[in-house]
Amino acid sequence: MAGAGTSPLERATRLSPDDPFPEELLDLSLEHLQILHSRICRQLELEYLTDPAGGHPVTLDRAHELQIEFTSRLLR
C-alpha cells in the first residue's frame, strides 16, 4: 500500500498492511498505543477512499486488535 508516489512523511503517518506491527500490544505504553492507533486510522481512511472494496483485511484486523487492547486497559 505504500506506493511509489507517496512521500516519506505520508508513509510515516500511516501503517500499511506491509509495515511491521507489534506482536504484543500489552508491552506498549499508552502513548505508543495511541500513536499506532492514529496511524492505523489514517491507513483505513486511505483504503476506504481509494478502494471500492473498503479496508484491507490486515488493517481491519489491526484496528480490531487495538480496540481490544484499549478496552482491556480501560477495564484494568
PDB file of N, CA and C in Angstrom:
ATOM      1  N   MET A   1       0.803  -1.196   0.000  1.00  0.00           N
ATOM      2  CA  MET A   1       0.000   0.000   0.000  1.00  0.00           C
ATOM      3  C   MET A   1       0.850   1.267   0.000  1.00  0.00           C
ATOM      4  N   ALA A   2       2.057   1.178   0.483  1.00  0.00           N
ATOM      5  CA  ALA A   2       2.929   2.355   0.482  1.00  0.00           C
ATOM      6  C   ALA A   2       3.454   2.535  -0.928  1.00  0.00           C
ATOM      7  N   GLY A   3       2.707   3.263  -1.750  1.00  0.00           N
ATOM      8  CA  GLY A   3       3.032   3.402  -3.161  1.00  0.00           C
ATOM      9  C   GLY A   3       4.237   4.273  -3.401  1.00  0.00           C
ATOM     10  N   ALA A   4       4.739   4.160  -4.634  1.00  0.00           N
ATOM     11  CA  ALA A   4       5.923   4.918  -5.010  1.00  0.00           C
ATOM     12  C   ALA A   4       5.649   6.417  -5.041  1.00  0.00           C
ATOM     13  N   GLY A   5       4.384   6.828  -5.208  1.00  0.00           N
ATOM     14  CA  GLY A   5       4.054   8.235  -5.303  1.00  0.00           C
ATOM     15  C   GLY A   5       3.825   8.918  -3.964  1.00  0.00           C
ATOM     16  N   THR A   6       4.012   8.206  -2.868  1.00  0.00           N
ATOM     17  CA  THR A   6       3.783   8.820  -1.561  1.00  0.00           C
ATOM     18  C   THR A   6       5.099   9.297  -0.970  1.00  0.00           C
ATOM     19  N   SER A   7       5.018  10.394  -0.237  1.00  0.00           N
ATOM     20  CA  SER A   7       6.220  10.956   0.377  1.00  0.00           C
ATOM     21  C   SER A   7       6.566  10.173   1.644  1.00  0.00           C
ATOM     22  N   PRO A   8       7.817  10.296   2.123  1.00  0.00           N
ATOM     23  CA  PRO A   8       8.195   9.630   3.377  1.00  0.00           C
ATOM     24  C   PRO A   8       7.329  10.083   4.552  1.00  0.00           C
ATOM     25  N   LEU A   9       6.947  11.371   4.561  1.00  0.00           N
ATOM     26  CA  LEU A   9       6.099  11.865   5.648  1.00  0.00           C
ATOM     27  C   LEU A   9       4.723  11.200   5.602  1.00  0.00           C
ATOM     28  N   GLU A  10       4.157  11.070   4.412  1.00  0.00           N
ATOM     29  CA  GLU A  10       2.860  10.403   4.274  1.00  0.00           C
ATOM     30  C   GLU A  10       2.950   8.948   4.743  1.00  0.00           C
ATOM     31  N   ARG A  11       4.010   8.266   4.377  1.00  0.00           N
ATOM     32  CA  ARG A  11       4.180   6.872   4.795  1.00  0.00           C
ATOM     33  C   ARG A  11       4.386   6.770   6.303  1.00  0.00           C
ATOM     34  N   ALA A  12       5.033   7.777   6.903  1.00  0.00           N
ATOM     35  CA  ALA A  12       5.311   7.747   8.342  1.00  0.00           C
ATOM     36  C   ALA A  12       4.050   7.987   9.169  1.00  0.00           C
ATOM     37  N   THR A  13       3.028   8.574   8.569  1.00  0.00           N
ATOM     38  CA  THR A  13       1.814   8.865   9.324  1.00  0.00           C
ATOM     39  C   THR A  13       0.768   7.770   9.185  1.00  0.00           C
ATOM     40  N   ARG A  14       1.055   6.764   8.375  1.00  0.00           N
ATOM     41  CA  ARG A  14       0.143   5.625   8.196  1.00  0.00           C
ATOM     42  C   ARG A  14       0.909   4.336   8.435  1.00  0.00           C
ATOM     43  N   LEU A  15       0.178   3.256   8.632  1.00  0.00           N
ATOM     44  CA  LEU A  15       0.803   1.947   8.791  1.00  0.00           C
ATOM     45  C   LEU A  15       0.150   1.001   7.794  1.00  0.00           C
ATOM     46  N   SER A  16       0.833   0.767   6.685  1.00  0.00           N
ATOM     47  CA  SER A  16       0.273  -0.078   5.637  1.00  0.00           C
ATOM     48  C   SER A  16       0.262  -1.539   6.086  1.00  0.00           C
ATOM     49  N   PRO A  17      -0.520  -2.374   5.412  1.00  0.00           N
ATOM     50  CA  PRO A  17      -0.546  -3.795   5.761  1.00  0.00           C
ATOM     51  C   PRO A  17       0.815  -4.476   5.656  1.00  0.00           C
ATOM     52  N   ASP A  18       1.707  -3.910   4.852  1.00  0.00           N
ATOM     53  CA  ASP A  18       3.044  -4.492   4.686  1.00  0.00           C
ATOM     54  C   ASP A  18       4.027  -4.050   5.766  1.00  0.00           C
ATOM     55  N   ASP A  19       3.689  -2.998   6.505  1.00  0.00           N
ATOM     56  CA  ASP A  19       4.566  -2.495   7.559  1.00  0.00           C
ATOM     57  C   ASP A  19       4.495  -3.398   8.790  1.00  0.00           C
ATOM     58  N   PRO A  20       5.598  -3.480   9.546  1.00  0.00           N
ATOM     59  CA  PRO A  20       5.585  -4.320  10.750  1.00  0.00           C
ATOM     60  C   PRO A  20       4.605  -3.787  11.798  1.00  0.00           C
ATOM     61  N   PHE A  21       4.026  -4.709  12.533  1.00  0.00           N
ATOM     62  CA  PHE A  21       3.063  -4.403  13.596  1.00  0.00           C
ATOM     63  C   PHE A  21       3.511  -5.157  14.837  1.00  0.00           C
ATOM     64  N   PRO A  22       3.475  -4.529  16.012  1.00  0.00           N
ATOM     65  CA  PRO A  22       3.937  -5.214  17.227  1.00  0.00           C
ATOM     66  C   PRO A  22       3.160  -6.513  17.484  1.00  0.00           C
ATOM     67  N   GLU A  23       3.889  -7.536  17.855  1.00  0.00           N
ATOM     68  CA  GLU A  23       3.238  -8.811  18.158  1.00  0.00           C
ATOM     69  C   GLU A  23       2.492  -8.751  19.483  1.00  0.00           C
ATOM     70  N   GLU A  24       2.992  -7.943  20.414  1.00  0.00           N
ATOM     71  CA  GLU A  24       2.378  -7.854  21.746  1.00  0.00           C
ATOM     72  C   GLU A  24       2.071  -6.397  22.072  1.00  0.00           C
ATOM     73  N   LEU A  25       0.792  -6.052  22.042  1.00  0.00           N
ATOM     74  CA  LEU A  25       0.388  -4.677  22.329  1.00  0.00           C
ATOM     75  C   LEU A  25       0.483  -4.355  23.809  1.00  0.00           C
ATOM     76  N   LEU A  26       0.429  -5.360  24.647  1.00  0.00           N
ATOM     77  CA  LEU A  26       0.499  -5.177  26.095  1.00  0.00           C
ATOM     78  C   LEU A  26       1.806  -4.513  26.511  1.00  0.00           C
ATOM     79  N   ASP A  27       2.869  -4.732  25.729  1.00  0.00           N
ATOM     80  CA  ASP A  27       4.185  -4.172  26.046  1.00  0.00           C
ATOM     81  C   ASP A  27       4.308  -2.687  25.703  1.00  0.00           C
ATOM     82  N   LEU A  28       3.346  -2.133  24.961  1.00  0.00           N
ATOM     83  CA  LEU A  28       3.429  -0.736  24.536  1.00  0.00           C
ATOM     84  C   LEU A  28       2.868   0.201  25.607  1.00  0.00           C
ATOM     85  N   SER A  29       3.480   1.360  25.714  1.00  0.00           N
ATOM     86  CA  SER A  29       2.929   2.390  26.594  1.00  0.00           C
ATOM     87  C   SER A  29       1.627   2.892  25.974  1.00  0.00           C
ATOM     88  N   LEU A  30       0.818   3.558  26.772  1.00  0.00           N
ATOM     89  CA  LEU A  30      -0.432   4.110  26.265  1.00  0.00           C
ATOM     90  C   LEU A  30      -0.160   5.107  25.140  1.00  0.00           C
ATOM     91  N   GLU A  31       0.882   5.911  25.295  1.00  0.00           N
ATOM     92  CA  GLU A  31       1.227   6.879  24.253  1.00  0.00           C
ATOM     93  C   GLU A  31       1.554   6.190  22.926  1.00  0.00           C
ATOM     94  N   HIS A  32       2.359   5.140  22.971  1.00  0.00           N
ATOM     95  CA  HIS A  32       2.708   4.422  21.741  1.00  0.00           C
ATOM     96  C   HIS A  32       1.498   3.706  21.154  1.00  0.00           C
ATOM     97  N   LEU A  33       0.628   3.214  22.005  1.00  0.00           N
ATOM     98  CA  LEU A  33      -0.594   2.569  21.546  1.00  0.00           C
ATOM     99  C   LEU A  33      -1.480   3.581  20.810  1.00  0.00           C
ATOM    100  N   GLN A  34      -1.583   4.790  21.348  1.00  0.00           N
ATOM    101  CA  GLN A  34      -2.381   5.837  20.711  1.00  0.00           C
ATOM    102  C   GLN A  34      -1.780   6.264  19.369  1.00  0.00           C
ATOM    103  N   ILE A  35      -0.467   6.334  19.293  1.00  0.00           N
ATOM    104  CA  ILE A  35       0.201   6.677  18.031  1.00  0.00           C
ATOM    105  C   ILE A  35      -0.057   5.592  16.992  1.00  0.00           C
ATOM    106  N   LEU A  36       0.064   4.362  17.393  1.00  0.00           N
ATOM    107  CA  LEU A  36      -0.195   3.241  16.496  1.00  0.00           C
ATOM    108  C   LEU A  36      -1.645   3.270  16.008  1.00  0.00           C
ATOM    109  N   HIS A  37      -2.554   3.566  16.911  1.00  0.00           N
ATOM    110  CA  HIS A  37      -3.970   3.656  16.561  1.00  0.00           C
ATOM    111  C   HIS A  37      -4.200   4.774  15.538  1.00  0.00           C
ATOM    112  N   SER A  38      -3.565   5.914  15.718  1.00  0.00           N
ATOM    113  CA  SER A  38      -3.703   7.025  14.775  1.00  0.00           C
ATOM    114  C   SER A  38      -3.202   6.635  13.390  1.00  0.00           C
ATOM    115  N   ARG A  39      -2.087   5.947  13.353  1.00  0.00           N
ATOM    116  CA  ARG A  39      -1.528   5.523  12.062  1.00  0.00           C
ATOM    117  C   ARG A  39      -2.440   4.523  11.366  1.00  0.00           C
ATOM    118  N   ILE A  40      -3.031   3.617  12.135  1.00  0.00           N
ATOM    119  CA  ILE A  40      -3.958   2.629  11.570  1.00  0.00           C
ATOM    120  C   ILE A  40      -5.223   3.334  11.063  1.00  0.00           C
ATOM    121  N   CYS A  41      -5.737   4.294  11.821  1.00  0.00           N
ATOM    122  CA  CYS A  41      -6.939   5.031  11.394  1.00  0.00           C
ATOM    123  C   CYS A  41      -6.681   5.788  10.093  1.00  0.00           C
ATOM    124  N   ARG A  42      -5.511   6.405   9.977  1.00  0.00           N
ATOM    125  CA  ARG A  42      -5.180   7.122   8.740  1.00  0.00           C
ATOM    126  C   ARG A  42      -5.079   6.157   7.558  1.00  0.00           C
ATOM    127  N   GLN A  43      -4.523   4.977   7.809  1.00  0.00           N
ATOM    128  CA  GLN A  43      -4.420   3.971   6.753  1.00  0.00           C
ATOM    129  C   GLN A  43      -5.813   3.510   6.330  1.00  0.00           C
ATOM    130  N   LEU A  44      -6.690   3.274   7.298  1.00  0.00           N
ATOM    131  CA  LEU A  44      -8.060   2.863   6.973  1.00  0.00           C
ATOM    132  C   LEU A  44      -8.775   3.925   6.153  1.00  0.00           C
ATOM    133  N   GLU A  45      -8.592   5.185   6.521  1.00  0.00           N
ATOM    134  CA  GLU A  45      -9.206   6.275   5.751  1.00  0.00           C
ATOM    135  C   GLU A  45      -8.740   6.235   4.300  1.00  0.00           C
ATOM    136  N   LEU A  46      -7.439   6.064   4.104  1.00  0.00           N
ATOM    137  CA  LEU A  46      -6.891   5.989   2.751  1.00  0.00           C
ATOM    138  C   LEU A  46      -7.487   4.800   2.001  1.00  0.00           C
ATOM    139  N   GLU A  47      -7.551   3.657   2.651  1.00  0.00           N
ATOM    140  CA  GLU A  47      -8.068   2.457   1.990  1.00  0.00           C
ATOM    141  C   GLU A  47      -9.537   2.619   1.603  1.00  0.00           C
ATOM    142  N   TYR A  48     -10.342   3.195   2.483  1.00  0.00           N
ATOM    143  CA  TYR A  48     -11.754   3.396   2.161  1.00  0.00           C
ATOM    144  C   TYR A  48     -11.938   4.427   1.046  1.00  0.00           C
ATOM    145  N   LEU A  49     -11.038   5.406   0.968  1.00  0.00           N
ATOM    146  CA  LEU A  49     -11.139   6.421  -0.077  1.00  0.00           C
ATOM    147  C   LEU A  49     -10.637   5.933  -1.431  1.00  0.00           C
ATOM    148  N   THR A  50      -9.722   4.977  -1.440  1.00  0.00           N
ATOM    149  CA  THR A  50      -9.089   4.572  -2.694  1.00  0.00           C
ATOM    150  C   THR A  50      -9.488   3.187  -3.186  1.00  0.00           C
ATOM    151  N   ASP A  51     -10.161   2.396  -2.369  1.00  0.00           N
ATOM    152  CA  ASP A  51     -10.518   1.037  -2.772  1.00  0.00           C
ATOM    153  C   ASP A  51     -12.016   0.824  -2.574  1.00  0.00           C
ATOM    154  N   PRO A  52     -12.737   0.545  -3.645  1.00  0.00           N
ATOM    155  CA  PRO A  52     -14.182   0.336  -3.524  1.00  0.00           C
ATOM    156  C   PRO A  52     -14.549  -0.822  -2.588  1.00  0.00           C
ATOM    157  N   ALA A  53     -13.624  -1.746  -2.396  1.00  0.00           N
ATOM    158  CA  ALA A  53     -13.888  -2.892  -1.514  1.00  0.00           C
ATOM    159  C   ALA A  53     -13.762  -2.516  -0.042  1.00  0.00           C
ATOM    160  N   GLY A  54     -13.200  -1.346   0.249  1.00  0.00           N
ATOM    161  CA  GLY A  54     -13.070  -0.900   1.640  1.00  0.00           C
ATOM    162  C   GLY A  54     -11.705  -1.189   2.217  1.00  0.00           C
ATOM    163  N   GLY A  55     -11.663  -1.315   3.535  1.00  0.00           N
ATOM    164  CA  GLY A  55     -10.403  -1.512   4.240  1.00  0.00           C
ATOM    165  C   GLY A  55      -9.769  -2.869   3.958  1.00  0.00           C
ATOM    166  N   HIS A  56      -8.451  -2.872   3.943  1.00  0.00           N
ATOM    167  CA  HIS A  56      -7.682  -4.109   3.754  1.00  0.00           C
ATOM    168  C   HIS A  56      -7.890  -4.998   4.982  1.00  0.00           C
ATOM    169  N   PRO A  57      -8.036  -6.307   4.798  1.00  0.00           N
ATOM    170  CA  PRO A  57      -8.265  -7.201   5.947  1.00  0.00           C
ATOM    171  C   PRO A  57      -7.202  -7.092   7.041  1.00  0.00           C
ATOM    172  N   VAL A  58      -5.947  -6.902   6.666  1.00  0.00           N
ATOM    173  CA  VAL A  58      -4.884  -6.772   7.666  1.00  0.00           C
ATOM    174  C   VAL A  58      -5.081  -5.502   8.482  1.00  0.00           C
ATOM    175  N   THR A  59      -5.399  -4.409   7.816  1.00  0.00           N
ATOM    176  CA  THR A  59      -5.612  -3.146   8.520  1.00  0.00           C
ATOM    177  C   THR A  59      -6.828  -3.250   9.438  1.00  0.00           C
ATOM    178  N   LEU A  60      -7.887  -3.870   8.960  1.00  0.00           N
ATOM    179  CA  LEU A  60      -9.086  -4.052   9.784  1.00  0.00           C
ATOM    180  C   LEU A  60      -8.784  -4.902  11.013  1.00  0.00           C
ATOM    181  N   ASP A  61      -8.008  -5.972  10.842  1.00  0.00           N
ATOM    182  CA  ASP A  61      -7.631  -6.829  11.980  1.00  0.00           C
ATOM    183  C   ASP A  61      -6.795  -6.053  12.989  1.00  0.00           C
ATOM    184  N   ARG A  62      -5.878  -5.234  12.496  1.00  0.00           N
ATOM    185  CA  ARG A  62      -5.037  -4.444  13.397  1.00  0.00           C
ATOM    186  C   ARG A  62      -5.871  -3.440  14.182  1.00  0.00           C
ATOM    187  N   ALA A  63      -6.824  -2.803  13.518  1.00  0.00           N
ATOM    188  CA  ALA A  63      -7.704  -1.846  14.201  1.00  0.00           C
ATOM    189  C   ALA A  63      -8.507  -2.563  15.290  1.00  0.00           C
ATOM    190  N   HIS A  64      -8.953  -3.773  14.983  1.00  0.00           N
ATOM    191  CA  HIS A  64      -9.713  -4.558  15.958  1.00  0.00           C
ATOM    192  C   HIS A  64      -8.835  -4.936  17.159  1.00  0.00           C
ATOM    193  N   GLU A  65      -7.605  -5.360  16.902  1.00  0.00           N
ATOM    194  CA  GLU A  65      -6.679  -5.705  17.985  1.00  0.00           C
ATOM    195  C   GLU A  65      -6.420  -4.505  18.893  1.00  0.00           C
ATOM    196  N   LEU A  66      -6.265  -3.337  18.291  1.00  0.00           N
ATOM    197  CA  LEU A  66      -6.037  -2.129  19.080  1.00  0.00           C
ATOM    198  C   LEU A  66      -7.260  -1.797  19.930  1.00  0.00           C
ATOM    199  N   GLN A  67      -8.447  -1.962  19.368  1.00  0.00           N
ATOM    200  CA  GLN A  67      -9.664  -1.690  20.120  1.00  0.00           C
ATOM    201  C   GLN A  67      -9.776  -2.632  21.324  1.00  0.00           C
ATOM    202  N   ILE A  68      -9.428  -3.884  21.130  1.00  0.00           N
ATOM    203  CA  ILE A  68      -9.445  -4.856  22.233  1.00  0.00           C
ATOM    204  C   ILE A  68      -8.466  -4.433  23.319  1.00  0.00           C
ATOM    205  N   GLU A  69      -7.273  -3.992  22.926  1.00  0.00           N
ATOM    206  CA  GLU A  69      -6.268  -3.575  23.908  1.00  0.00           C
ATOM    207  C   GLU A  69      -6.716  -2.334  24.672  1.00  0.00           C
ATOM    208  N   PHE A  70      -7.283  -1.358  23.962  1.00  0.00           N
ATOM    209  CA  PHE A  70      -7.801  -0.165  24.651  1.00  0.00           C
ATOM    210  C   PHE A  70      -8.889  -0.549  25.653  1.00  0.00           C
ATOM    211  N   THR A  71      -9.791  -1.422  25.249  1.00  0.00           N
ATOM    212  CA  THR A  71     -10.879  -1.850  26.130  1.00  0.00           C
ATOM    213  C   THR A  71     -10.341  -2.585  27.351  1.00  0.00           C
ATOM    214  N   SER A  72      -9.377  -3.466  27.130  1.00  0.00           N
ATOM    215  CA  SER A  72      -8.829  -4.216  28.276  1.00  0.00           C
ATOM    216  C   SER A  72      -8.109  -3.292  29.251  1.00  0.00           C
ATOM    217  N   ARG A  73      -7.447  -2.262  28.739  1.00  0.00           N
ATOM    218  CA  ARG A  73      -6.768  -1.312  29.636  1.00  0.00           C
ATOM    219  C   ARG A  73      -7.772  -0.471  30.405  1.00  0.00           C
ATOM    220  N   LEU A  74      -8.884  -0.185  29.807  1.00  0.00           N
ATOM    221  CA  LEU A  74      -9.936   0.561  30.475  1.00  0.00           C
ATOM    222  C   LEU A  74     -10.516  -0.235  31.655  1.00  0.00           C
ATOM    223  N   LEU A  75     -10.592  -1.540  31.469  1.00  0.00           N
ATOM    224  CA  LEU A  75     -11.218  -2.398  32.473  1.00  0.00           C
ATOM    225  C   LEU A  75     -10.260  -2.832  33.574  1.00  0.00           C
ATOM    226  N   ARG A  76      -8.983  -2.520  33.428  1.00  0.00           N
ATOM    227  CA  ARG A  76      -7.995  -2.908  34.459  1.00  0.00           C
ATOM    228  C   ARG A  76      -8.065  -2.006  35.643  1.00  0.00           C
TER     229      ARG A  76
END
